[in-house]
């Protein structure tokens, strides 16, 4: 019996991927959520982090929504970028921008929470 389920990642400008996998790990506000075949139905939101799909594909996301129903995982995010497509200079620029926003007086606690996840994730992938 197959342990796979279908996954689709969609940005507003294009479909990023669509395939069958046996596992997906999502960076959600509740923490990291692992999806396997026959997981309970789920609707949640993504926070900044690494989205792992299958064994080898990883995507950086800043936000988005997730729906899992009847072994179909749908991920909608305007920021999903394959880690293989990232340039080190771009990551450094994103870290600097996020750190500057974090330090501003008018930045709310909620925004700081999201920015802290963004900064720590970008620092992990900045090779």
PDB file of N, CA and C in Angstrom:
ATOM      1  N   UNK A   1       0.836  -1.178   0.000  1.00  0.00           N
ATOM      2  CA  UNK A   1       0.000   0.000   0.000  1.00  0.00           C
ATOM      3  C   UNK A   1       0.888   1.251   0.000  1.00  0.00           C
ATOM      4  N   UNK A   2       0.588   2.176  -0.858  1.00  0.00           N
ATOM      5  CA  UNK A   2       1.365   3.404  -0.988  1.00  0.00           C
ATOM      6  C   UNK A   2       1.179   4.297   0.231  1.00  0.00           C
ATOM      7  N   UNK A   3       2.268   4.940   0.648  1.00  0.00           N
ATOM      8  CA  UNK A   3       2.216   5.890   1.756  1.00  0.00           C
ATOM      9  C   UNK A   3       2.242   7.326   1.240  1.00  0.00           C
ATOM     10  N   UNK A   4       2.039   7.508  -0.045  1.00  0.00           N
ATOM     11  CA  UNK A   4       2.142   8.832  -0.643  1.00  0.00           C
ATOM     12  C   UNK A   4       0.812   9.573  -0.667  1.00  0.00           C
ATOM     13  N   UNK A   5       0.923  10.881  -0.705  1.00  0.00           N
ATOM     14  CA  UNK A   5      -0.224  11.771  -0.869  1.00  0.00           C
ATOM     15  C   UNK A   5       0.204  12.871  -1.827  1.00  0.00           C
ATOM     16  N   UNK A   6      -0.743  13.606  -2.360  1.00  0.00           N
ATOM     17  CA  UNK A   6      -0.391  14.639  -3.338  1.00  0.00           C
ATOM     18  C   UNK A   6      -0.142  15.979  -2.651  1.00  0.00           C
ATOM     19  N   UNK A   7       0.823  16.726  -3.199  1.00  0.00           N
ATOM     20  CA  UNK A   7       1.185  18.049  -2.694  1.00  0.00           C
ATOM     21  C   UNK A   7       1.217  19.011  -3.869  1.00  0.00           C
ATOM     22  N   UNK A   8       0.668  20.190  -3.639  1.00  0.00           N
ATOM     23  CA  UNK A   8       0.753  21.243  -4.632  1.00  0.00           C
ATOM     24  C   UNK A   8       1.117  22.535  -3.920  1.00  0.00           C
ATOM     25  N   UNK A   9       2.152  23.209  -4.441  1.00  0.00           N
ATOM     26  CA  UNK A   9       2.562  24.511  -3.915  1.00  0.00           C
ATOM     27  C   UNK A   9       2.270  25.532  -5.005  1.00  0.00           C
ATOM     28  N   UNK A  10       1.486  26.555  -4.640  1.00  0.00           N
ATOM     29  CA  UNK A  10       1.068  27.553  -5.626  1.00  0.00           C
ATOM     30  C   UNK A  10       1.405  28.946  -5.123  1.00  0.00           C
ATOM     31  N   UNK A  11       2.035  29.731  -5.995  1.00  0.00           N
ATOM     32  CA  UNK A  11       2.223  31.165  -5.779  1.00  0.00           C
ATOM     33  C   UNK A  11       1.218  31.887  -6.666  1.00  0.00           C
ATOM     34  N   UNK A  12       0.944  33.156  -6.407  1.00  0.00           N
ATOM     35  CA  UNK A  12      -0.007  33.874  -7.261  1.00  0.00           C
ATOM     36  C   UNK A  12       0.401  33.909  -8.731  1.00  0.00           C
ATOM     37  N   UNK A  13       1.707  33.893  -8.992  1.00  0.00           N
ATOM     38  CA  UNK A  13       2.176  33.986 -10.373  1.00  0.00           C
ATOM     39  C   UNK A  13       2.335  32.643 -11.078  1.00  0.00           C
ATOM     40  N   UNK A  14       2.426  31.528 -10.315  1.00  0.00           N
ATOM     41  CA  UNK A  14       2.598  30.225 -10.955  1.00  0.00           C
ATOM     42  C   UNK A  14       2.497  29.086  -9.947  1.00  0.00           C
ATOM     43  N   UNK A  15       2.335  27.897 -10.493  1.00  0.00           N
ATOM     44  CA  UNK A  15       2.376  26.684  -9.685  1.00  0.00           C
ATOM     45  C   UNK A  15       3.841  26.301  -9.525  1.00  0.00           C
ATOM     46  N   UNK A  16       4.304  26.154  -8.299  1.00  0.00           N
ATOM     47  CA  UNK A  16       5.705  25.850  -8.018  1.00  0.00           C
ATOM     48  C   UNK A  16       5.994  24.364  -8.185  1.00  0.00           C
ATOM     49  N   UNK A  17       5.117  23.535  -7.667  1.00  0.00           N
ATOM     50  CA  UNK A  17       5.302  22.088  -7.792  1.00  0.00           C
ATOM     51  C   UNK A  17       3.997  21.361  -7.555  1.00  0.00           C
ATOM     52  N   UNK A  18       3.918  20.185  -8.124  1.00  0.00           N
ATOM     53  CA  UNK A  18       2.779  19.309  -7.922  1.00  0.00           C
ATOM     54  C   UNK A  18       3.285  17.884  -8.082  1.00  0.00           C
ATOM     55  N   UNK A  19       3.229  17.106  -7.002  1.00  0.00           N
ATOM     56  CA  UNK A  19       3.724  15.726  -7.067  1.00  0.00           C
ATOM     57  C   UNK A  19       3.232  14.928  -5.876  1.00  0.00           C
ATOM     58  N   UNK A  20       3.575  13.672  -5.857  1.00  0.00           N
ATOM     59  CA  UNK A  20       3.240  12.801  -4.734  1.00  0.00           C
ATOM     60  C   UNK A  20       4.481  12.619  -3.872  1.00  0.00           C
ATOM     61  N   UNK A  21       4.279  12.698  -2.559  1.00  0.00           N
ATOM     62  CA  UNK A  21       5.370  12.530  -1.598  1.00  0.00           C
ATOM     63  C   UNK A  21       4.869  11.680  -0.429  1.00  0.00           C
ATOM     64  N   UNK A  22       5.801  11.267   0.415  1.00  0.00           N
ATOM     65  CA  UNK A  22       5.387  10.484   1.587  1.00  0.00           C
ATOM     66  C   UNK A  22       5.454  11.290   2.884  1.00  0.00           C
ATOM     67  N   UNK A  23       5.940  12.556   2.787  1.00  0.00           N
ATOM     68  CA  UNK A  23       6.029  13.381   3.992  1.00  0.00           C
ATOM     69  C   UNK A  23       6.210  14.847   3.610  1.00  0.00           C
ATOM     70  N   UNK A  24       5.654  15.725   4.424  1.00  0.00           N
ATOM     71  CA  UNK A  24       5.884  17.161   4.284  1.00  0.00           C
ATOM     72  C   UNK A  24       5.989  17.752   5.688  1.00  0.00           C
ATOM     73  N   UNK A  25       6.949  18.668   5.869  1.00  0.00           N
ATOM     74  CA  UNK A  25       7.129  19.328   7.154  1.00  0.00           C
ATOM     75  C   UNK A  25       6.890  20.820   6.933  1.00  0.00           C
ATOM     76  N   UNK A  26       5.950  21.362   7.689  1.00  0.00           N
ATOM     77  CA  UNK A  26       5.487  22.730   7.488  1.00  0.00           C
ATOM     78  C   UNK A  26       5.855  23.622   8.672  1.00  0.00           C
ATOM     79  N   UNK A  27       6.372  24.844   8.410  1.00  0.00           N
ATOM     80  CA  UNK A  27       6.631  25.790   9.500  1.00  0.00           C
ATOM     81  C   UNK A  27       5.351  26.589   9.802  1.00  0.00           C
ATOM     82  N   UNK A  28       4.630  26.174  10.809  1.00  0.00           N
ATOM     83  CA  UNK A  28       3.349  26.805  11.148  1.00  0.00           C
ATOM     84  C   UNK A  28       3.477  27.574  12.462  1.00  0.00           C
ATOM     85  N   UNK A  29       2.508  28.402  12.738  1.00  0.00           N
ATOM     86  CA  UNK A  29       2.528  29.166  13.983  1.00  0.00           C
ATOM     87  C   UNK A  29       2.422  28.249  15.199  1.00  0.00           C
ATOM     88  N   UNK A  30       1.836  27.064  15.016  1.00  0.00           N
ATOM     89  CA  UNK A  30       1.733  26.098  16.114  1.00  0.00           C
ATOM     90  C   UNK A  30       3.047  25.369  16.351  1.00  0.00           C
ATOM     91  N   UNK A  31       4.004  25.525  15.447  1.00  0.00           N
ATOM     92  CA  UNK A  31       5.279  24.804  15.472  1.00  0.00           C
ATOM     93  C   UNK A  31       5.444  24.089  14.145  1.00  0.00           C
ATOM     94  N   UNK A  32       6.445  23.218  14.066  1.00  0.00           N
ATOM     95  CA  UNK A  32       6.623  22.449  12.842  1.00  0.00           C
ATOM     96  C   UNK A  32       5.598  21.317  12.826  1.00  0.00           C
ATOM     97  N   UNK A  33       4.887  21.210  11.719  1.00  0.00           N
ATOM     98  CA  UNK A  33       3.844  20.198  11.578  1.00  0.00           C
ATOM     99  C   UNK A  33       4.270  19.221  10.486  1.00  0.00           C
ATOM    100  N   UNK A  34       4.293  17.939  10.835  1.00  0.00           N
ATOM    101  CA  UNK A  34       4.621  16.903   9.857  1.00  0.00           C
ATOM    102  C   UNK A  34       3.328  16.291   9.339  1.00  0.00           C
ATOM    103  N   UNK A  35       3.212  16.236   8.022  1.00  0.00           N
ATOM    104  CA  UNK A  35       2.038  15.658   7.376  1.00  0.00           C
ATOM    105  C   UNK A  35       2.436  14.325   6.764  1.00  0.00           C
ATOM    106  N   UNK A  36       1.691  13.286   7.083  1.00  0.00           N
ATOM    107  CA  UNK A  36       1.841  11.970   6.486  1.00  0.00           C
ATOM    108  C   UNK A  36       0.497  11.579   5.882  1.00  0.00           C
ATOM    109  N   UNK A  37       0.494  10.540   5.083  1.00  0.00           N
ATOM    110  CA  UNK A  37      -0.755  10.063   4.484  1.00  0.00           C
ATOM    111  C   UNK A  37      -1.785   9.792   5.581  1.00  0.00           C
ATOM    112  N   UNK A  38      -3.022  10.132   5.307  1.00  0.00           N
ATOM    113  CA  UNK A  38      -4.161   9.935   6.202  1.00  0.00           C
ATOM    114  C   UNK A  38      -4.125  10.818   7.458  1.00  0.00           C
ATOM    115  N   UNK A  39      -3.353  11.911   7.406  1.00  0.00           N
ATOM    116  CA  UNK A  39      -3.355  12.899   8.496  1.00  0.00           C
ATOM    117  C   UNK A  39      -4.784  13.446   8.619  1.00  0.00           C
ATOM    118  N   UNK A  40      -5.149  13.897   9.801  1.00  0.00           N
ATOM    119  CA  UNK A  40      -6.472  14.487   9.968  1.00  0.00           C
ATOM    120  C   UNK A  40      -6.583  15.747   9.103  1.00  0.00           C
ATOM    121  N   UNK A  41      -7.784  16.119   8.695  1.00  0.00           N
ATOM    122  CA  UNK A  41      -7.937  17.364   7.922  1.00  0.00           C
ATOM    123  C   UNK A  41      -7.370  18.547   8.713  1.00  0.00           C
ATOM    124  N   UNK A  42      -6.767  19.478   7.976  1.00  0.00           N
ATOM    125  CA  UNK A  42      -6.052  20.571   8.614  1.00  0.00           C
ATOM    126  C   UNK A  42      -6.130  21.820   7.748  1.00  0.00           C
ATOM    127  N   UNK A  43      -6.373  22.938   8.388  1.00  0.00           N
ATOM    128  CA  UNK A  43      -6.231  24.253   7.757  1.00  0.00           C
ATOM    129  C   UNK A  43      -5.427  25.090   8.739  1.00  0.00           C
ATOM    130  N   UNK A  44      -4.314  25.670   8.265  1.00  0.00           N
ATOM    131  CA  UNK A  44      -3.464  26.452   9.149  1.00  0.00           C
ATOM    132  C   UNK A  44      -2.692  27.498   8.344  1.00  0.00           C
ATOM    133  N   UNK A  45      -1.896  28.275   9.059  1.00  0.00           N
ATOM    134  CA  UNK A  45      -1.117  29.346   8.440  1.00  0.00           C
ATOM    135  C   UNK A  45       0.371  29.072   8.585  1.00  0.00           C
ATOM    136  N   UNK A  46       1.128  29.468   7.572  1.00  0.00           N
ATOM    137  CA  UNK A  46       2.574  29.327   7.607  1.00  0.00           C
ATOM    138  C   UNK A  46       3.205  30.568   8.231  1.00  0.00           C
ATOM    139  N   UNK A  47       4.293  30.367   8.925  1.00  0.00           N
ATOM    140  CA  UNK A  47       5.139  31.440   9.424  1.00  0.00           C
ATOM    141  C   UNK A  47       6.465  31.314   8.672  1.00  0.00           C
ATOM    142  N   UNK A  48       7.362  32.305   8.793  1.00  0.00           N
ATOM    143  CA  UNK A  48       8.645  32.177   8.102  1.00  0.00           C
ATOM    144  C   UNK A  48       9.379  30.908   8.535  1.00  0.00           C
ATOM    145  N   UNK A  49       9.898  30.194   7.551  1.00  0.00           N
ATOM    146  CA  UNK A  49      10.620  28.964   7.834  1.00  0.00           C
ATOM    147  C   UNK A  49      10.895  28.161   6.576  1.00  0.00           C
ATOM    148  N   UNK A  50      11.353  26.937   6.789  1.00  0.00           N
ATOM    149  CA  UNK A  50      11.673  26.026   5.693  1.00  0.00           C
ATOM    150  C   UNK A  50      10.550  25.005   5.564  1.00  0.00           C
ATOM    151  N   UNK A  51      10.019  24.909   4.376  1.00  0.00           N
ATOM    152  CA  UNK A  51       8.990  23.936   4.027  1.00  0.00           C
ATOM    153  C   UNK A  51       9.704  22.761   3.373  1.00  0.00           C
ATOM    154  N   UNK A  52       9.613  21.581   3.971  1.00  0.00           N
ATOM    155  CA  UNK A  52      10.270  20.390   3.430  1.00  0.00           C
ATOM    156  C   UNK A  52       9.221  19.490   2.802  1.00  0.00           C
ATOM    157  N   UNK A  53       9.442  19.157   1.535  1.00  0.00           N
ATOM    158  CA  UNK A  53       8.489  18.332   0.792  1.00  0.00           C
ATOM    159  C   UNK A  53       9.226  17.106   0.286  1.00  0.00           C
ATOM    160  N   UNK A  54       8.804  15.926   0.755  1.00  0.00           N
ATOM    161  CA  UNK A  54       9.515  14.714   0.361  1.00  0.00           C
ATOM    162  C   UNK A  54      10.899  14.693   0.991  1.00  0.00           C
ATOM    163  N   UNK A  55      11.795  13.961   0.356  1.00  0.00           N
ATOM    164  CA  UNK A  55      13.142  13.784   0.917  1.00  0.00           C
ATOM    165  C   UNK A  55      14.109  14.906   0.547  1.00  0.00           C
ATOM    166  N   UNK A  56      13.940  15.519  -0.628  1.00  0.00           N
ATOM    167  CA  UNK A  56      14.992  16.394  -1.130  1.00  0.00           C
ATOM    168  C   UNK A  56      14.591  17.820  -1.443  1.00  0.00           C
ATOM    169  N   UNK A  57      13.334  18.164  -1.394  1.00  0.00           N
ATOM    170  CA  UNK A  57      12.929  19.508  -1.797  1.00  0.00           C
ATOM    171  C   UNK A  57      12.641  20.369  -0.581  1.00  0.00           C
ATOM    172  N   UNK A  58      13.272  21.557  -0.584  1.00  0.00           N
ATOM    173  CA  UNK A  58      13.083  22.505   0.511  1.00  0.00           C
ATOM    174  C   UNK A  58      12.795  23.874  -0.078  1.00  0.00           C
ATOM    175  N   UNK A  59      11.838  24.563   0.556  1.00  0.00           N
ATOM    176  CA  UNK A  59      11.418  25.879   0.106  1.00  0.00           C
ATOM    177  C   UNK A  59      11.423  26.836   1.286  1.00  0.00           C
ATOM    178  N   UNK A  60      11.836  28.062   1.018  1.00  0.00           N
ATOM    179  CA  UNK A  60      11.730  29.122   2.016  1.00  0.00           C
ATOM    180  C   UNK A  60      10.355  29.760   1.844  1.00  0.00           C
ATOM    181  N   UNK A  61       9.635  29.934   2.945  1.00  0.00           N
ATOM    182  CA  UNK A  61       8.342  30.629   2.912  1.00  0.00           C
ATOM    183  C   UNK A  61       8.317  31.657   4.040  1.00  0.00           C
ATOM    184  N   UNK A  62       7.613  32.752   3.790  1.00  0.00           N
ATOM    185  CA  UNK A  62       7.430  33.763   4.831  1.00  0.00           C
ATOM    186  C   UNK A  62       6.017  33.728   5.379  1.00  0.00           C
ATOM    187  N   UNK A  63       5.085  33.291   4.558  1.00  0.00           N
ATOM    188  CA  UNK A  63       3.682  33.279   4.955  1.00  0.00           C
ATOM    189  C   UNK A  63       2.924  32.356   4.003  1.00  0.00           C
ATOM    190  N   UNK A  64       1.667  32.134   4.328  1.00  0.00           N
ATOM    191  CA  UNK A  64       0.828  31.341   3.439  1.00  0.00           C
ATOM    192  C   UNK A  64      -0.229  30.578   4.211  1.00  0.00           C
ATOM    193  N   UNK A  65      -1.039  29.874   3.456  1.00  0.00           N
ATOM    194  CA  UNK A  65      -2.065  29.022   4.059  1.00  0.00           C
ATOM    195  C   UNK A  65      -1.869  27.595   3.579  1.00  0.00           C
ATOM    196  N   UNK A  66      -2.343  26.675   4.406  1.00  0.00           N
ATOM    197  CA  UNK A  66      -2.195  25.254   4.136  1.00  0.00           C
ATOM    198  C   UNK A  66      -3.537  24.581   4.357  1.00  0.00           C
ATOM    199  N   UNK A  67      -3.873  23.685   3.450  1.00  0.00           N
ATOM    200  CA  UNK A  67      -5.058  22.856   3.638  1.00  0.00           C
ATOM    201  C   UNK A  67      -4.683  21.419   3.327  1.00  0.00           C
ATOM    202  N   UNK A  68      -5.012  20.510   4.238  1.00  0.00           N
ATOM    203  CA  UNK A  68      -4.832  19.078   3.989  1.00  0.00           C
ATOM    204  C   UNK A  68      -6.189  18.418   4.160  1.00  0.00           C
ATOM    205  N   UNK A  69      -6.634  17.736   3.092  1.00  0.00           N
ATOM    206  CA  UNK A  69      -7.941  17.087   3.109  1.00  0.00           C
ATOM    207  C   UNK A  69      -7.918  15.952   2.099  1.00  0.00           C
ATOM    208  N   UNK A  70      -8.376  14.783   2.522  1.00  0.00           N
ATOM    209  CA  UNK A  70      -8.456  13.589   1.668  1.00  0.00           C
ATOM    210  C   UNK A  70      -7.139  13.329   0.935  1.00  0.00           C
ATOM    211  N   UNK A  71      -6.043  13.369   1.701  1.00  0.00           N
ATOM    212  CA  UNK A  71      -4.694  13.100   1.202  1.00  0.00           C
ATOM    213  C   UNK A  71      -4.256  14.026   0.077  1.00  0.00           C
ATOM    214  N   UNK A  72      -4.710  15.270   0.158  1.00  0.00           N
ATOM    215  CA  UNK A  72      -4.262  16.312  -0.762  1.00  0.00           C
ATOM    216  C   UNK A  72      -3.805  17.498   0.074  1.00  0.00           C
ATOM    217  N   UNK A  73      -2.540  17.872  -0.093  1.00  0.00           N
ATOM    218  CA  UNK A  73      -1.965  19.005   0.622  1.00  0.00           C
ATOM    219  C   UNK A  73      -1.835  20.167  -0.353  1.00  0.00           C
ATOM    220  N   UNK A  74      -2.504  21.259  -0.034  1.00  0.00           N
ATOM    221  CA  UNK A  74      -2.463  22.455  -0.859  1.00  0.00           C
ATOM    222  C   UNK A  74      -1.786  23.563  -0.054  1.00  0.00           C
ATOM    223  N   UNK A  75      -0.702  24.120  -0.619  1.00  0.00           N
ATOM    224  CA  UNK A  75       0.048  25.182   0.038  1.00  0.00           C
ATOM    225  C   UNK A  75      -0.017  26.412  -0.853  1.00  0.00           C
ATOM    226  N   UNK A  76      -0.562  27.489  -0.317  1.00  0.00           N
ATOM    227  CA  UNK A  76      -0.655  28.755  -1.042  1.00  0.00           C
ATOM    228  C   UNK A  76       0.261  29.763  -0.359  1.00  0.00           C
ATOM    229  N   UNK A  77       1.253  30.273  -1.093  1.00  0.00           N
ATOM    230  CA  UNK A  77       2.188  31.233  -0.505  1.00  0.00           C
ATOM    231  C   UNK A  77       2.746  32.126  -1.603  1.00  0.00           C
ATOM    232  N   UNK A  78       2.759  33.411  -1.344  1.00  0.00           N
ATOM    233  CA  UNK A  78       3.332  34.333  -2.332  1.00  0.00           C
ATOM    234  C   UNK A  78       4.850  34.381  -2.241  1.00  0.00           C
ATOM    235  N   UNK A  79       5.429  33.711  -1.237  1.00  0.00           N
ATOM    236  CA  UNK A  79       6.871  33.805  -1.026  1.00  0.00           C
ATOM    237  C   UNK A  79       7.614  32.485  -1.175  1.00  0.00           C
ATOM    238  N   UNK A  80       6.978  31.415  -1.604  1.00  0.00           N
ATOM    239  CA  UNK A  80       7.650  30.117  -1.701  1.00  0.00           C
ATOM    240  C   UNK A  80       8.772  30.163  -2.740  1.00  0.00           C
ATOM    241  N   UNK A  81      10.011  29.921  -2.258  1.00  0.00           N
ATOM    242  CA  UNK A  81      11.186  29.930  -3.130  1.00  0.00           C
ATOM    243  C   UNK A  81      11.998  28.671  -2.840  1.00  0.00           C
ATOM    244  N   UNK A  82      12.317  27.930  -3.886  1.00  0.00           N
ATOM    245  CA  UNK A  82      13.163  26.750  -3.733  1.00  0.00           C
ATOM    246  C   UNK A  82      14.529  27.194  -3.221  1.00  0.00           C
ATOM    247  N   UNK A  83      15.057  26.500  -2.208  1.00  0.00           N
ATOM    248  CA  UNK A  83      16.351  26.894  -1.636  1.00  0.00           C
ATOM    249  C   UNK A  83      17.466  26.851  -2.670  1.00  0.00           C
ATOM    250  N   UNK A  84      17.328  26.019  -3.684  1.00  0.00           N
ATOM    251  CA  UNK A  84      18.342  25.926  -4.732  1.00  0.00           C
ATOM    252  C   UNK A  84      18.394  27.213  -5.571  1.00  0.00           C
ATOM    253  N   UNK A  85      17.337  28.014  -5.533  1.00  0.00           N
ATOM    254  CA  UNK A  85      17.271  29.241  -6.322  1.00  0.00           C
ATOM    255  C   UNK A  85      17.760  30.479  -5.562  1.00  0.00           C
ATOM    256  N   UNK A  86      18.105  30.311  -4.297  1.00  0.00           N
ATOM    257  CA  UNK A  86      18.550  31.444  -3.485  1.00  0.00           C
ATOM    258  C   UNK A  86      20.002  31.788  -3.788  1.00  0.00           C
ATOM    259  N   UNK A  87      20.290  33.058  -3.809  1.00  0.00           N
ATOM    260  CA  UNK A  87      21.656  33.562  -3.949  1.00  0.00           C
ATOM    261  C   UNK A  87      22.085  34.099  -2.589  1.00  0.00           C
ATOM    262  N   UNK A  88      23.329  33.849  -2.195  1.00  0.00           N
ATOM    263  CA  UNK A  88      23.835  34.257  -0.892  1.00  0.00           C
ATOM    264  C   UNK A  88      23.692  35.767  -0.671  1.00  0.00           C
ATOM    265  N   UNK A  89      23.967  36.565  -1.697  1.00  0.00           N
ATOM    266  CA  UNK A  89      23.843  38.021  -1.572  1.00  0.00           C
ATOM    267  C   UNK A  89      22.424  38.447  -1.268  1.00  0.00           C
ATOM    268  N   UNK A  90      21.464  37.784  -1.878  1.00  0.00           N
ATOM    269  CA  UNK A  90      20.050  38.097  -1.650  1.00  0.00           C
ATOM    270  C   UNK A  90      19.662  37.757  -0.208  1.00  0.00           C
ATOM    271  N   UNK A  91      20.154  36.653   0.302  1.00  0.00           N
ATOM    272  CA  UNK A  91      19.853  36.252   1.675  1.00  0.00           C
ATOM    273  C   UNK A  91      20.401  37.287   2.654  1.00  0.00           C
ATOM    274  N   UNK A  92      21.636  37.724   2.443  1.00  0.00           N
ATOM    275  CA  UNK A  92      22.244  38.728   3.325  1.00  0.00           C
ATOM    276  C   UNK A  92      21.431  40.017   3.312  1.00  0.00           C
ATOM    277  N   UNK A  93      20.960  40.401   2.136  1.00  0.00           N
ATOM    278  CA  UNK A  93      20.132  41.601   2.004  1.00  0.00           C
ATOM    279  C   UNK A  93      18.810  41.445   2.760  1.00  0.00           C
ATOM    280  N   UNK A  94      18.203  40.267   2.655  1.00  0.00           N
ATOM    281  CA  UNK A  94      16.941  40.010   3.356  1.00  0.00           C
ATOM    282  C   UNK A  94      17.135  40.019   4.872  1.00  0.00           C
ATOM    283  N   UNK A  95      18.255  39.460   5.346  1.00  0.00           N
ATOM    284  CA  UNK A  95      18.554  39.454   6.783  1.00  0.00           C
ATOM    285  C   UNK A  95      18.719  40.888   7.276  1.00  0.00           C
ATOM    286  N   UNK A  96      19.495  41.675   6.565  1.00  0.00           N
ATOM    287  CA  UNK A  96      19.740  43.064   6.959  1.00  0.00           C
ATOM    288  C   UNK A  96      18.429  43.839   7.027  1.00  0.00           C
ATOM    289  N   UNK A  97      17.585  43.684   6.016  1.00  0.00           N
ATOM    290  CA  UNK A  97      16.295  44.371   5.975  1.00  0.00           C
ATOM    291  C   UNK A  97      15.414  43.962   7.162  1.00  0.00           C
ATOM    292  N   UNK A  98      15.360  42.659   7.447  1.00  0.00           N
ATOM    293  CA  UNK A  98      14.534  42.160   8.554  1.00  0.00           C
ATOM    294  C   UNK A  98      15.061  42.652   9.903  1.00  0.00           C
ATOM    295  N   UNK A  99      16.390  42.669  10.054  1.00  0.00           N
ATOM    296  CA  UNK A  99      16.971  43.150  11.317  1.00  0.00           C
ATOM    297  C   UNK A  99      16.680  44.634  11.530  1.00  0.00           C
ATOM    298  N   UNK A 100      16.722  45.412  10.465  1.00  0.00           N
ATOM    299  CA  UNK A 100      16.404  46.839  10.576  1.00  0.00           C
ATOM    300  C   UNK A 100      14.948  47.046  10.979  1.00  0.00           C
ATOM    301  N   UNK A 101      14.038  46.281  10.391  1.00  0.00           N
ATOM    302  CA  UNK A 101      12.616  46.379  10.751  1.00  0.00           C
ATOM    303  C   UNK A 101      12.396  45.956  12.199  1.00  0.00           C
ATOM    304  N   UNK A 102      13.113  44.918  12.634  1.00  0.00           N
ATOM    305  CA  UNK A 102      12.985  44.408  13.995  1.00  0.00           C
ATOM    306  C   UNK A 102      13.354  45.485  15.018  1.00  0.00           C
ATOM    307  N   UNK A 103      14.352  46.288  14.716  1.00  0.00           N
ATOM    308  CA  UNK A 103      14.851  47.298  15.649  1.00  0.00           C
ATOM    309  C   UNK A 103      14.009  48.569  15.701  1.00  0.00           C
ATOM    310  N   UNK A 104      13.124  48.771  14.757  1.00  0.00           N
ATOM    311  CA  UNK A 104      12.318  49.994  14.737  1.00  0.00           C
ATOM    312  C   UNK A 104      11.372  50.035  15.934  1.00  0.00           C
ATOM    313  N   UNK A 105      11.194  51.219  16.461  1.00  0.00           N
ATOM    314  CA  UNK A 105      10.347  51.425  17.634  1.00  0.00           C
ATOM    315  C   UNK A 105       8.892  51.047  17.377  1.00  0.00           C
ATOM    316  N   UNK A 106       8.401  51.357  16.195  1.00  0.00           N
ATOM    317  CA  UNK A 106       6.986  51.122  15.892  1.00  0.00           C
ATOM    318  C   UNK A 106       6.655  49.662  15.537  1.00  0.00           C
ATOM    319  N   UNK A 107       7.662  48.794  15.502  1.00  0.00           N
ATOM    320  CA  UNK A 107       7.424  47.384  15.201  1.00  0.00           C
ATOM    321  C   UNK A 107       6.693  46.728  16.371  1.00  0.00           C
ATOM    322  N   UNK A 108       5.559  46.099  16.086  1.00  0.00           N
ATOM    323  CA  UNK A 108       4.757  45.460  17.133  1.00  0.00           C
ATOM    324  C   UNK A 108       5.383  44.142  17.575  1.00  0.00           C
ATOM    325  N   UNK A 109       4.920  43.616  18.700  1.00  0.00           N
ATOM    326  CA  UNK A 109       5.409  42.328  19.190  1.00  0.00           C
ATOM    327  C   UNK A 109       5.113  41.214  18.186  1.00  0.00           C
ATOM    328  N   UNK A 110       3.943  41.265  17.575  1.00  0.00           N
ATOM    329  CA  UNK A 110       3.591  40.257  16.573  1.00  0.00           C
ATOM    330  C   UNK A 110       4.557  40.322  15.393  1.00  0.00           C
ATOM    331  N   UNK A 111       4.845  41.522  14.925  1.00  0.00           N
ATOM    332  CA  UNK A 111       5.778  41.681  13.813  1.00  0.00           C
ATOM    333  C   UNK A 111       7.183  41.209  14.210  1.00  0.00           C
ATOM    334  N   UNK A 112       7.584  41.480  15.452  1.00  0.00           N
ATOM    335  CA  UNK A 112       8.897  41.021  15.926  1.00  0.00           C
ATOM    336  C   UNK A 112       8.962  39.500  15.976  1.00  0.00           C
ATOM    337  N   UNK A 113       7.873  38.871  16.389  1.00  0.00           N
ATOM    338  CA  UNK A 113       7.811  37.404  16.417  1.00  0.00           C
ATOM    339  C   UNK A 113       8.048  36.843  15.014  1.00  0.00           C
ATOM    340  N   UNK A 114       7.344  37.393  14.038  1.00  0.00           N
ATOM    341  CA  UNK A 114       7.468  36.923  12.652  1.00  0.00           C
ATOM    342  C   UNK A 114       8.867  37.236  12.114  1.00  0.00           C
ATOM    343  N   UNK A 115       9.366  38.435  12.374  1.00  0.00           N
ATOM    344  CA  UNK A 115      10.699  38.805  11.911  1.00  0.00           C
ATOM    345  C   UNK A 115      11.786  37.936  12.540  1.00  0.00           C
ATOM    346  N   UNK A 116      11.620  37.569  13.798  1.00  0.00           N
ATOM    347  CA  UNK A 116      12.633  36.720  14.446  1.00  0.00           C
ATOM    348  C   UNK A 116      12.706  35.355  13.770  1.00  0.00           C
ATOM    349  N   UNK A 117      11.555  34.797  13.376  1.00  0.00           N
ATOM    350  CA  UNK A 117      11.555  33.519  12.643  1.00  0.00           C
ATOM    351  C   UNK A 117      12.197  33.697  11.271  1.00  0.00           C
ATOM    352  N   UNK A 118      11.904  34.805  10.620  1.00  0.00           N
ATOM    353  CA  UNK A 118      12.485  35.082   9.306  1.00  0.00           C
ATOM    354  C   UNK A 118      14.005  35.180   9.407  1.00  0.00           C
ATOM    355  N   UNK A 119      14.495  35.942  10.362  1.00  0.00           N
ATOM    356  CA  UNK A 119      15.935  36.138  10.530  1.00  0.00           C
ATOM    357  C   UNK A 119      16.637  34.820  10.840  1.00  0.00           C
ATOM    358  N   UNK A 120      16.108  34.051  11.790  1.00  0.00           N
ATOM    359  CA  UNK A 120      16.772  32.798  12.158  1.00  0.00           C
ATOM    360  C   UNK A 120      16.749  31.796  11.004  1.00  0.00           C
ATOM    361  N   UNK A 121      15.671  31.768  10.236  1.00  0.00           N
ATOM    362  CA  UNK A 121      15.604  30.855   9.090  1.00  0.00           C
ATOM    363  C   UNK A 121      16.613  31.258   8.024  1.00  0.00           C
ATOM    364  N   UNK A 122      16.654  32.539   7.703  1.00  0.00           N
ATOM    365  CA  UNK A 122      17.589  33.017   6.673  1.00  0.00           C
ATOM    366  C   UNK A 122      19.040  32.781   7.090  1.00  0.00           C
ATOM    367  N   UNK A 123      19.337  32.945   8.377  1.00  0.00           N
ATOM    368  CA  UNK A 123      20.703  32.692   8.838  1.00  0.00           C
ATOM    369  C   UNK A 123      21.081  31.214   8.719  1.00  0.00           C
ATOM    370  N   UNK A 124      20.109  30.327   8.882  1.00  0.00           N
ATOM    371  CA  UNK A 124      20.370  28.887   8.736  1.00  0.00           C
ATOM    372  C   UNK A 124      20.705  28.522   7.293  1.00  0.00           C
ATOM    373  N   UNK A 125      20.048  29.188   6.343  1.00  0.00           N
ATOM    374  CA  UNK A 125      20.267  28.807   4.943  1.00  0.00           C
ATOM    375  C   UNK A 125      21.340  29.653   4.259  1.00  0.00           C
ATOM    376  N   UNK A 126      21.872  30.649   4.939  1.00  0.00           N
ATOM    377  CA  UNK A 126      22.914  31.499   4.347  1.00  0.00           C
ATOM    378  C   UNK A 126      24.245  30.764   4.406  1.00  0.00           C
ATOM    379  N   UNK A 127      24.616  30.177   3.306  1.00  0.00           N
ATOM    380  CA  UNK A 127      25.862  29.427   3.266  1.00  0.00           C
ATOM    381  C   UNK A 127      26.931  30.303   2.800  1.00  0.00           C
TER     382      UNK A 127
END
